[in-house]
Amino acid sequence: MPNKSLENYIFSKGTINPPLGWEKLLDITIEIAKGIEYLLQGCDQRILHFDIKPHNILLDQNLKQKISNFGLAKLSSKGESIVSINDCCQRDHWLHCTRSVFQEL
């Protein structure tokens, strides 16, 4: 993607204001939320991403966001109300999955 990831635009050294400005970041955030809502409600089967973070939000030439990296994603029927994180991770990915979930705590 021409503008890399959102991570490059939300952190700036030596200033409180982000490089894109607060209004543009709000617009991007709202569009990301709409994308996540679509993955959960708009598809026949829900798509659970399990790894949403600024690095996985890519920005095109018009700064339109694209959710990427579905490596930990899991399909879930709309009737399921509880999905175990253990079910989403293969044994090879357990450590990565654990870090992704708990690094925010």
Protein backbone atom coordinates (compact mmCIF):
# COMPACT_ATOMS: atom_id res chain seq x y z
CA MET A 1 0.00 0.00 0.00
CA PRO A 2 1.32 3.43 -0.92
CA ASN A 3 0.82 4.97 2.53
CA LYS A 4 1.90 1.89 4.53
CA SER A 5 0.04 1.24 7.78
CA LEU A 6 -1.90 3.40 10.20
CA GLU A 7 0.88 2.81 12.71
CA ASN A 8 3.07 5.26 10.75
CA TYR A 9 0.53 8.06 11.20
CA ILE A 10 -0.69 7.84 14.78
CA PHE A 11 2.63 8.14 16.55
CA SER A 12 4.74 11.23 16.05
CA LYS A 13 7.86 12.17 17.92
CA GLY A 14 7.91 15.36 19.95
CA THR A 15 4.31 16.43 19.39
CA ILE A 16 0.89 15.67 20.83
CA ASN A 17 -0.88 16.14 17.50
CA PRO A 18 -0.76 13.19 15.07
CA PRO A 19 0.59 13.86 11.53
CA LEU A 20 -2.84 13.35 9.90
CA GLY A 21 -4.74 15.51 12.37
CA TRP A 22 -7.41 14.45 14.83
CA GLU A 23 -10.34 14.85 12.41
CA LYS A 24 -8.79 12.54 9.78
CA LEU A 25 -7.91 9.98 12.47
CA LEU A 26 -11.51 10.08 13.67
CA ASP A 27 -12.73 9.48 10.10
CA ILE A 28 -10.34 6.54 9.70
CA THR A 29 -11.40 5.11 13.07
CA ILE A 30 -15.08 5.27 12.17
CA GLU A 31 -14.43 3.54 8.84
CA ILE A 32 -12.40 0.81 10.60
CA ALA A 33 -15.31 0.27 12.98
CA LYS A 34 -17.68 -0.04 10.01
CA GLY A 35 -15.33 -2.61 8.45
CA ILE A 36 -15.23 -4.65 11.65
CA GLU A 37 -19.01 -4.43 11.92
CA TYR A 38 -19.28 -5.76 8.37
CA LEU A 39 -16.97 -8.67 9.19
CA LEU A 40 -19.11 -9.53 12.21
CA GLN A 41 -22.62 -8.74 10.96
CA GLY A 42 -22.60 -8.24 7.18
CA CYS A 43 -21.31 -11.63 6.09
CA ASP A 44 -23.19 -14.95 6.11
CA GLN A 45 -20.59 -16.19 8.59
CA ARG A 46 -18.91 -13.86 11.06
CA ILE A 47 -15.21 -13.27 10.50
CA LEU A 48 -13.37 -12.85 13.79
CA HIS A 49 -10.06 -11.09 13.07
CA PHE A 50 -8.30 -11.54 16.46
CA ASP A 51 -5.42 -9.21 15.51
CA ILE A 52 -6.75 -5.68 14.89
CA LYS A 53 -3.98 -3.18 15.58
CA PRO A 54 -2.61 -0.10 13.77
CA HIS A 55 0.05 -2.17 11.98
CA ASN A 56 -2.70 -4.28 10.35
CA ILE A 57 -4.65 -1.29 9.02
CA LEU A 58 -3.21 -0.37 5.63
CA LEU A 59 -3.82 2.99 3.93
CA ASP A 60 -4.15 3.37 0.16
CA GLN A 61 -3.16 6.41 -1.93
CA ASN A 62 -6.30 8.26 -0.75
CA LEU A 63 -5.72 7.30 2.91
CA LYS A 64 -8.65 4.86 2.75
CA GLN A 65 -8.16 2.10 5.28
CA LYS A 66 -7.94 -1.61 4.48
CA ILE A 67 -8.06 -4.22 7.22
CA SER A 68 -5.26 -6.72 6.60
CA ASN A 69 -3.53 -9.79 8.04
CA PHE A 70 -6.26 -12.35 8.53
CA GLY A 71 -3.76 -15.00 9.65
CA LEU A 72 -5.46 -15.49 13.04
CA ALA A 73 -9.00 -15.00 11.75
CA LYS A 74 -11.72 -17.52 12.43
CA LEU A 75 -15.10 -18.06 10.80
CA SER A 76 -17.96 -18.26 13.23
CA SER A 77 -21.66 -18.84 12.70
CA LYS A 78 -23.95 -16.02 13.77
CA GLY A 79 -25.58 -18.40 16.26
CA GLU A 80 -22.38 -18.82 18.27
CA SER A 81 -22.30 -16.41 21.19
CA ILE A 82 -19.02 -17.61 22.73
CA VAL A 83 -15.86 -18.29 20.75
CA SER A 84 -12.77 -19.47 22.55
CA ILE A 85 -9.51 -17.81 21.61
CA ASN A 86 -7.96 -21.27 21.93
CA ASP A 87 -10.11 -22.39 19.00
CA CYS A 88 -8.74 -19.65 16.77
CA CYS A 89 -5.11 -20.52 17.21
CA GLN A 90 -3.32 -23.50 15.81
CA ARG A 91 -0.60 -24.87 18.05
CA ASP A 92 2.12 -23.16 15.99
CA HIS A 93 0.44 -19.79 16.50
CA TRP A 94 -0.42 -20.08 20.20
CA LEU A 95 2.46 -17.93 21.45
CA HIS A 96 1.79 -15.20 18.86
CA CYS A 97 -1.94 -15.25 19.62
CA THR A 98 -1.31 -15.00 23.35
CA ARG A 99 1.01 -12.04 22.91
CA SER A 100 -1.47 -10.27 20.61
CA VAL A 101 -4.28 -10.59 23.14
CA PHE A 102 -2.43 -9.92 26.37
CA GLN A 103 0.09 -7.25 25.36
CA GLU A 104 -2.67 -4.66 25.64
CA LEU A 105 -3.41 -5.51 29.30
